[in-house]
PDB file of N, CA and C in Angstrom:
ATOM      1  N   UNK A   1       6.476   8.359  -6.932  1.00  0.00           N
ATOM      2  CA  UNK A   1       6.694   7.680  -5.565  1.00  0.00           C
ATOM      3  C   UNK A   1       7.171   8.780  -4.790  1.00  0.00           C
ATOM      4  N   UNK A   2       6.721   8.742  -3.544  1.00  0.00           N
ATOM      5  CA  UNK A   2       6.811   9.767  -2.550  1.00  0.00           C
ATOM      6  C   UNK A   2       7.551   9.216  -0.979  1.00  0.00           C
ATOM      7  N   UNK A   3       8.279   9.563  -0.492  1.00  0.00           N
ATOM      8  CA  UNK A   3       8.571   9.126   0.813  1.00  0.00           C
ATOM      9  C   UNK A   3       7.715  10.005   1.972  1.00  0.00           C
ATOM     10  N   UNK A   4       7.249   9.278   2.947  1.00  0.00           N
ATOM     11  CA  UNK A   4       6.409   9.897   3.786  1.00  0.00           C
ATOM     12  C   UNK A   4       6.955   9.646   5.224  1.00  0.00           C
ATOM     13  N   UNK A   5       6.474  10.006   6.171  1.00  0.00           N
ATOM     14  CA  UNK A   5       7.014   9.819   7.626  1.00  0.00           C
ATOM     15  C   UNK A   5       5.607   9.413   8.468  1.00  0.00           C
ATOM     16  N   UNK A   6       5.813   8.589   9.545  1.00  0.00           N
ATOM     17  CA  UNK A   6       4.915   7.957  10.198  1.00  0.00           C
ATOM     18  C   UNK A   6       5.219   9.026  11.545  1.00  0.00           C
ATOM     19  N   UNK A   7       3.865   9.602  11.820  1.00  0.00           N
ATOM     20  CA  UNK A   7       4.140  10.647  13.061  1.00  0.00           C
ATOM     21  C   UNK A   7       3.939   9.887  14.302  1.00  0.00           C
ATOM     22  N   UNK A   8       3.983  10.772  15.674  1.00  0.00           N
ATOM     23  CA  UNK A   8       4.099   9.829  16.777  1.00  0.00           C
ATOM     24  C   UNK A   8       2.546   9.076  17.261  1.00  0.00           C
ATOM     25  N   UNK A   9       1.618   9.297  16.231  1.00  0.00           N
ATOM     26  CA  UNK A   9       0.335   8.717  16.574  1.00  0.00           C
ATOM     27  C   UNK A   9       0.253   7.411  15.227  1.00  0.00           C
ATOM     28  N   UNK A  10       1.511   7.191  14.848  1.00  0.00           N
ATOM     29  CA  UNK A  10       1.267   6.110  13.714  1.00  0.00           C
ATOM     30  C   UNK A  10       0.443   6.533  12.502  1.00  0.00           C
ATOM     31  N   UNK A  11       0.358   7.634  12.169  1.00  0.00           N
ATOM     32  CA  UNK A  11      -0.388   8.390  10.932  1.00  0.00           C
ATOM     33  C   UNK A  11       0.548   8.545   9.584  1.00  0.00           C
ATOM     34  N   UNK A  12       0.305   8.496   8.709  1.00  0.00           N
ATOM     35  CA  UNK A  12       1.162   8.872   7.539  1.00  0.00           C
ATOM     36  C   UNK A  12       0.278   9.852   6.665  1.00  0.00           C
ATOM     37  N   UNK A  13       0.999  10.947   6.089  1.00  0.00           N
ATOM     38  CA  UNK A  13       0.296  12.021   5.384  1.00  0.00           C
ATOM     39  C   UNK A  13       0.756  11.887   4.102  1.00  0.00           C
ATOM     40  N   UNK A  14      -0.699  11.659   3.149  1.00  0.00           N
ATOM     41  CA  UNK A  14      -0.256  11.409   1.944  1.00  0.00           C
ATOM     42  C   UNK A  14       0.032  12.805   1.082  1.00  0.00           C
ATOM     43  N   UNK A  15       0.915  12.873   0.156  1.00  0.00           N
ATOM     44  CA  UNK A  15       1.214  14.119  -0.175  1.00  0.00           C
ATOM     45  C   UNK A  15      -0.025  14.500  -1.418  1.00  0.00           C
ATOM     46  N   UNK A  16      -0.345  15.640  -1.574  1.00  0.00           N
ATOM     47  CA  UNK A  16      -1.438  16.026  -2.376  1.00  0.00           C
ATOM     48  C   UNK A  16      -1.363  15.509  -3.706  1.00  0.00           C
ATOM     49  N   UNK A  17      -0.217  15.680  -4.370  1.00  0.00           N
ATOM     50  CA  UNK A  17      -0.083  15.105  -5.625  1.00  0.00           C
ATOM     51  C   UNK A  17      -0.613  13.539  -6.072  1.00  0.00           C
ATOM     52  N   UNK A  18      -0.020  12.907  -4.786  1.00  0.00           N
ATOM     53  CA  UNK A  18      -0.558  11.367  -4.685  1.00  0.00           C
ATOM     54  C   UNK A  18      -1.917  11.292  -4.442  1.00  0.00           C
ATOM     55  N   UNK A  19      -2.755  12.018  -3.650  1.00  0.00           N
ATOM     56  CA  UNK A  19      -3.827  11.814  -3.499  1.00  0.00           C
ATOM     57  C   UNK A  19      -4.874  12.429  -4.616  1.00  0.00           C
ATOM     58  N   UNK A  20      -4.321  13.414  -5.355  1.00  0.00           N
ATOM     59  CA  UNK A  20      -5.105  13.823  -6.430  1.00  0.00           C
ATOM     60  C   UNK A  20      -5.163  12.912  -7.574  1.00  0.00           C
ATOM     61  N   UNK A  21      -3.730  12.295  -7.586  1.00  0.00           N
ATOM     62  CA  UNK A  21      -3.500  11.232  -8.685  1.00  0.00           C
ATOM     63  C   UNK A  21      -4.393  10.046  -8.670  1.00  0.00           C
ATOM     64  N   UNK A  22      -4.609   9.522  -7.499  1.00  0.00           N
ATOM     65  CA  UNK A  22      -5.454   8.152  -7.241  1.00  0.00           C
ATOM     66  C   UNK A  22      -6.938   8.527  -6.993  1.00  0.00           C
ATOM     67  N   UNK A  23      -7.108   9.681  -6.817  1.00  0.00           N
ATOM     68  CA  UNK A  23      -8.569  10.360  -6.604  1.00  0.00           C
ATOM     69  C   UNK A  23      -8.925   9.688  -5.221  1.00  0.00           C
ATOM     70  N   UNK A  24      -8.265  10.097  -3.978  1.00  0.00           N
ATOM     71  CA  UNK A  24      -8.585   9.844  -2.773  1.00  0.00           C
ATOM     72  C   UNK A  24      -8.789  10.902  -2.046  1.00  0.00           C
ATOM     73  N   UNK A  25      -9.876  11.193  -1.216  1.00  0.00           N
ATOM     74  CA  UNK A  25      -9.927  12.193  -0.143  1.00  0.00           C
ATOM     75  C   UNK A  25     -10.064  11.731   1.000  1.00  0.00           C
ATOM     76  N   UNK A  26     -10.474  12.754   2.048  1.00  0.00           N
ATOM     77  CA  UNK A  26     -10.908  12.319   3.297  1.00  0.00           C
ATOM     78  C   UNK A  26     -11.846  11.330   3.738  1.00  0.00           C
ATOM     79  N   UNK A  27     -11.850  10.234   4.198  1.00  0.00           N
ATOM     80  CA  UNK A  27     -12.807   9.395   4.357  1.00  0.00           C
ATOM     81  C   UNK A  27     -12.748   8.173   3.491  1.00  0.00           C
ATOM     82  N   UNK A  28     -11.719   8.438   2.439  1.00  0.00           N
ATOM     83  CA  UNK A  28     -11.553   7.229   1.474  1.00  0.00           C
ATOM     84  C   UNK A  28     -11.101   6.062   2.180  1.00  0.00           C
ATOM     85  N   UNK A  29     -11.498   4.998   1.713  1.00  0.00           N
ATOM     86  CA  UNK A  29     -11.023   3.679   2.255  1.00  0.00           C
ATOM     87  C   UNK A  29      -9.691   2.908   1.486  1.00  0.00           C
ATOM     88  N   UNK A  30      -8.609   2.467   2.213  1.00  0.00           N
ATOM     89  CA  UNK A  30      -7.629   2.120   1.582  1.00  0.00           C
ATOM     90  C   UNK A  30      -7.519   0.589   2.082  1.00  0.00           C
ATOM     91  N   UNK A  31      -7.195  -0.197   1.133  1.00  0.00           N
ATOM     92  CA  UNK A  31      -6.787  -1.655   1.493  1.00  0.00           C
ATOM     93  C   UNK A  31      -5.373  -1.707   1.776  1.00  0.00           C
ATOM     94  N   UNK A  32      -4.650  -2.146   2.861  1.00  0.00           N
ATOM     95  CA  UNK A  32      -3.420  -2.305   3.131  1.00  0.00           C
ATOM     96  C   UNK A  32      -3.102  -3.965   3.074  1.00  0.00           C
ATOM     97  N   UNK A  33      -1.835  -4.130   2.321  1.00  0.00           N
ATOM     98  CA  UNK A  33      -1.437  -5.455   2.294  1.00  0.00           C
ATOM     99  C   UNK A  33      -0.058  -5.477   2.843  1.00  0.00           C
ATOM    100  N   UNK A  34       0.220  -5.931   3.845  1.00  0.00           N
ATOM    101  CA  UNK A  34       1.722  -6.046   4.386  1.00  0.00           C
ATOM    102  C   UNK A  34       2.538  -7.046   3.772  1.00  0.00           C
ATOM    103  N   UNK A  35       3.487  -6.734   3.408  1.00  0.00           N
ATOM    104  CA  UNK A  35       4.590  -7.891   3.344  1.00  0.00           C
ATOM    105  C   UNK A  35       6.039  -7.518   3.814  1.00  0.00           C
ATOM    106  N   UNK A  36       6.994  -8.333   3.665  1.00  0.00           N
ATOM    107  CA  UNK A  36       8.524  -8.570   3.850  1.00  0.00           C
ATOM    108  C   UNK A  36       8.742  -6.955   3.798  1.00  0.00           C
ATOM    109  N   UNK A  37       9.087  -6.181   5.128  1.00  0.00           N
ATOM    110  CA  UNK A  37       9.679  -4.743   5.137  1.00  0.00           C
ATOM    111  C   UNK A  37       8.695  -3.631   4.587  1.00  0.00           C
ATOM    112  N   UNK A  38       7.426  -4.008   4.451  1.00  0.00           N
ATOM    113  CA  UNK A  38       6.762  -2.798   3.802  1.00  0.00           C
ATOM    114  C   UNK A  38       5.087  -3.147   3.634  1.00  0.00           C
ATOM    115  N   UNK A  39       4.563  -2.477   2.870  1.00  0.00           N
ATOM    116  CA  UNK A  39       3.255  -2.600   2.818  1.00  0.00           C
ATOM    117  C   UNK A  39       2.653  -1.959   1.428  1.00  0.00           C
ATOM    118  N   UNK A  40       1.794  -2.429   0.788  1.00  0.00           N
ATOM    119  CA  UNK A  40       0.968  -1.821  -0.268  1.00  0.00           C
ATOM    120  C   UNK A  40      -0.266  -1.293   0.145  1.00  0.00           C
ATOM    121  N   UNK A  41      -0.591   0.040  -0.291  1.00  0.00           N
ATOM    122  CA  UNK A  41      -1.887   0.610  -0.196  1.00  0.00           C
ATOM    123  C   UNK A  41      -2.719   0.494  -1.481  1.00  0.00           C
ATOM    124  N   UNK A  42      -3.995   0.368  -1.500  1.00  0.00           N
ATOM    125  CA  UNK A  42      -4.772   0.217  -2.637  1.00  0.00           C
ATOM    126  C   UNK A  42      -6.170   0.914  -2.316  1.00  0.00           C
ATOM    127  N   UNK A  43      -6.500   2.199  -3.040  1.00  0.00           N
ATOM    128  CA  UNK A  43      -8.014   2.693  -2.904  1.00  0.00           C
ATOM    129  C   UNK A  43      -8.687   1.923  -3.418  1.00  0.00           C
ATOM    130  N   UNK A  44      -9.819   1.798  -2.379  1.00  0.00           N
ATOM    131  CA  UNK A  44     -11.138   0.928  -2.639  1.00  0.00           C
ATOM    132  C   UNK A  44     -12.015   1.498  -3.724  1.00  0.00           C
ATOM    133  N   UNK A  45     -12.235   3.040  -3.586  1.00  0.00           N
ATOM    134  CA  UNK A  45     -13.170   3.417  -4.339  1.00  0.00           C
ATOM    135  C   UNK A  45     -14.478   2.802  -4.510  1.00  0.00           C
ATOM    136  N   UNK A  46     -15.227   2.306  -3.463  1.00  0.00           N
ATOM    137  CA  UNK A  46     -16.346   2.068  -3.432  1.00  0.00           C
ATOM    138  C   UNK A  46     -16.465   0.590  -3.639  1.00  0.00           C
ATOM    139  N   UNK A  47     -15.272  -0.130  -3.995  1.00  0.00           N
ATOM    140  CA  UNK A  47     -15.191  -1.609  -4.292  1.00  0.00           C
ATOM    141  C   UNK A  47     -15.437  -2.411  -3.073  1.00  0.00           C
ATOM    142  N   UNK A  48     -15.979  -3.462  -2.944  1.00  0.00           N
ATOM    143  CA  UNK A  48     -16.003  -4.205  -1.734  1.00  0.00           C
ATOM    144  C   UNK A  48     -15.109  -5.539  -1.768  1.00  0.00           C
ATOM    145  N   UNK A  49     -14.297  -5.401  -0.992  1.00  0.00           N
ATOM    146  CA  UNK A  49     -13.212  -6.750  -1.120  1.00  0.00           C
ATOM    147  C   UNK A  49     -13.349  -7.630   0.106  1.00  0.00           C
ATOM    148  N   UNK A  50     -14.046  -7.610   0.741  1.00  0.00           N
ATOM    149  CA  UNK A  50     -14.791  -8.602   1.801  1.00  0.00           C
ATOM    150  C   UNK A  50     -14.879  -9.968   1.110  1.00  0.00           C
ATOM    151  N   UNK A  51     -14.072 -10.774   1.596  1.00  0.00           N
ATOM    152  CA  UNK A  51     -13.941 -12.396   0.809  1.00  0.00           C
ATOM    153  C   UNK A  51     -13.241 -12.598  -0.066  1.00  0.00           C
ATOM    154  N   UNK A  52     -13.034 -11.410  -1.006  1.00  0.00           N
ATOM    155  CA  UNK A  52     -12.078 -11.626  -2.228  1.00  0.00           C
ATOM    156  C   UNK A  52     -10.517 -12.055  -2.047  1.00  0.00           C
ATOM    157  N   UNK A  53     -10.072 -11.437  -0.921  1.00  0.00           N
ATOM    158  CA  UNK A  53      -8.634 -11.631  -0.692  1.00  0.00           C
ATOM    159  C   UNK A  53      -8.343 -12.821   0.341  1.00  0.00           C
ATOM    160  N   UNK A  54      -9.731 -13.751   0.753  1.00  0.00           N
ATOM    161  CA  UNK A  54      -9.299 -14.465   1.893  1.00  0.00           C
ATOM    162  C   UNK A  54      -8.266 -15.612   1.605  1.00  0.00           C
ATOM    163  N   UNK A  55      -7.816 -16.027   0.727  1.00  0.00           N
ATOM    164  CA  UNK A  55      -7.041 -17.092   0.182  1.00  0.00           C
ATOM    165  C   UNK A  55      -5.977 -16.296  -0.486  1.00  0.00           C
ATOM    166  N   UNK A  56      -5.765 -15.023  -0.569  1.00  0.00           N
ATOM    167  CA  UNK A  56      -4.388 -14.174  -1.002  1.00  0.00           C
ATOM    168  C   UNK A  56      -3.308 -14.455  -0.447  1.00  0.00           C
ATOM    169  N   UNK A  57      -2.369 -14.858  -1.381  1.00  0.00           N
ATOM    170  CA  UNK A  57      -0.980 -15.076  -0.897  1.00  0.00           C
ATOM    171  C   UNK A  57      -0.059 -14.368  -1.607  1.00  0.00           C
ATOM    172  N   UNK A  58       0.746 -13.400  -0.958  1.00  0.00           N
ATOM    173  CA  UNK A  58       1.509 -12.632  -1.817  1.00  0.00           C
ATOM    174  C   UNK A  58       2.985 -13.257  -1.915  1.00  0.00           C
ATOM    175  N   UNK A  59       3.288 -13.422  -2.891  1.00  0.00           N
ATOM    176  CA  UNK A  59       4.768 -14.248  -3.122  1.00  0.00           C
ATOM    177  C   UNK A  59       5.660 -12.971  -3.286  1.00  0.00           C
ATOM    178  N   UNK A  60       6.575 -12.952  -2.642  1.00  0.00           N
ATOM    179  CA  UNK A  60       7.296 -11.755  -2.331  1.00  0.00           C
ATOM    180  C   UNK A  60       8.363 -11.840  -3.411  1.00  0.00           C
ATOM    181  N   UNK A  61       9.210 -13.316  -3.234  1.00  0.00           N
ATOM    182  CA  UNK A  61      10.211 -13.552  -3.741  1.00  0.00           C
ATOM    183  C   UNK A  61       9.990 -13.662  -5.571  1.00  0.00           C
ATOM    184  N   UNK A  62       8.583 -13.994  -5.907  1.00  0.00           N
ATOM    185  CA  UNK A  62       8.461 -13.750  -7.049  1.00  0.00           C
ATOM    186  C   UNK A  62       7.949 -12.566  -7.925  1.00  0.00           C
ATOM    187  N   UNK A  63       7.722 -11.472  -6.954  1.00  0.00           N
ATOM    188  CA  UNK A  63       7.297 -10.428  -7.384  1.00  0.00           C
ATOM    189  C   UNK A  63       8.243  -9.380  -7.807  1.00  0.00           C
ATOM    190  N   UNK A  64       8.198  -8.721  -9.103  1.00  0.00           N
ATOM    191  CA  UNK A  64       9.163  -7.908  -9.890  1.00  0.00           C
ATOM    192  C   UNK A  64       9.650  -6.752  -9.043  1.00  0.00           C
ATOM    193  N   UNK A  65       8.577  -6.042  -8.134  1.00  0.00           N
ATOM    194  CA  UNK A  65       9.009  -5.056  -7.300  1.00  0.00           C
ATOM    195  C   UNK A  65       9.567  -5.133  -6.257  1.00  0.00           C
ATOM    196  N   UNK A  66       9.556  -6.557  -5.625  1.00  0.00           N
ATOM    197  CA  UNK A  66      10.501  -7.023  -4.584  1.00  0.00           C
ATOM    198  C   UNK A  66      11.965  -6.990  -5.033  1.00  0.00           C
ATOM    199  N   UNK A  67      12.063  -7.684  -6.140  1.00  0.00           N
ATOM    200  CA  UNK A  67      13.368  -7.928  -6.624  1.00  0.00           C
ATOM    201  C   UNK A  67      14.056  -6.507  -6.795  1.00  0.00           C
ATOM    202  N   UNK A  68      13.215  -5.641  -7.106  1.00  0.00           N
ATOM    203  CA  UNK A  68      13.856  -4.005  -7.415  1.00  0.00           C
ATOM    204  C   UNK A  68      14.049  -3.453  -6.097  1.00  0.00           C
ATOM    205  N   UNK A  69      13.271  -3.295  -5.130  1.00  0.00           N
ATOM    206  CA  UNK A  69      13.149  -2.652  -4.111  1.00  0.00           C
ATOM    207  C   UNK A  69      14.157  -3.130  -2.957  1.00  0.00           C
ATOM    208  N   UNK A  70      14.236  -4.713  -2.800  1.00  0.00           N
ATOM    209  CA  UNK A  70      14.960  -5.036  -1.992  1.00  0.00           C
ATOM    210  C   UNK A  70      16.422  -5.846  -2.654  1.00  0.00           C
ATOM    211  N   UNK A  71      16.400  -5.812  -3.480  1.00  0.00           N
ATOM    212  CA  UNK A  71      17.866  -6.476  -4.311  1.00  0.00           C
ATOM    213  C   UNK A  71      18.870  -6.423  -3.075  1.00  0.00           C
ATOM    214  N   UNK A  72      19.263  -7.694  -2.875  1.00  0.00           N
ATOM    215  CA  UNK A  72      20.538  -7.653  -1.778  1.00  0.00           C
ATOM    216  C   UNK A  72      20.180  -7.898  -0.407  1.00  0.00           C
ATOM    217  N   UNK A  73      18.691  -7.595  -0.131  1.00  0.00           N
ATOM    218  CA  UNK A  73      18.244  -7.452   1.315  1.00  0.00           C
ATOM    219  C   UNK A  73      17.256  -8.671   1.565  1.00  0.00           C
ATOM    220  N   UNK A  74      16.543  -8.932   0.554  1.00  0.00           N
ATOM    221  CA  UNK A  74      15.515  -9.890   0.611  1.00  0.00           C
ATOM    222  C   UNK A  74      15.823 -11.314   0.785  1.00  0.00           C
TER     223      UNK A  74
END
């Protein structure tokens, strides 16, 4: 995990070790899934998700990561 900062142009710099670990570089496309107090980034790596997530509903209360990250605040 890494902590990053949003700059004055709303950009986020991904640390080198994170980029190398998941194999992303300049121009890589990332899918953003927003949820309560946060977001999830997924590297597309050539995958096409158009239409696949149309009916996707993220159940924050049931997700294990939400229970860990936001315990007592969610």
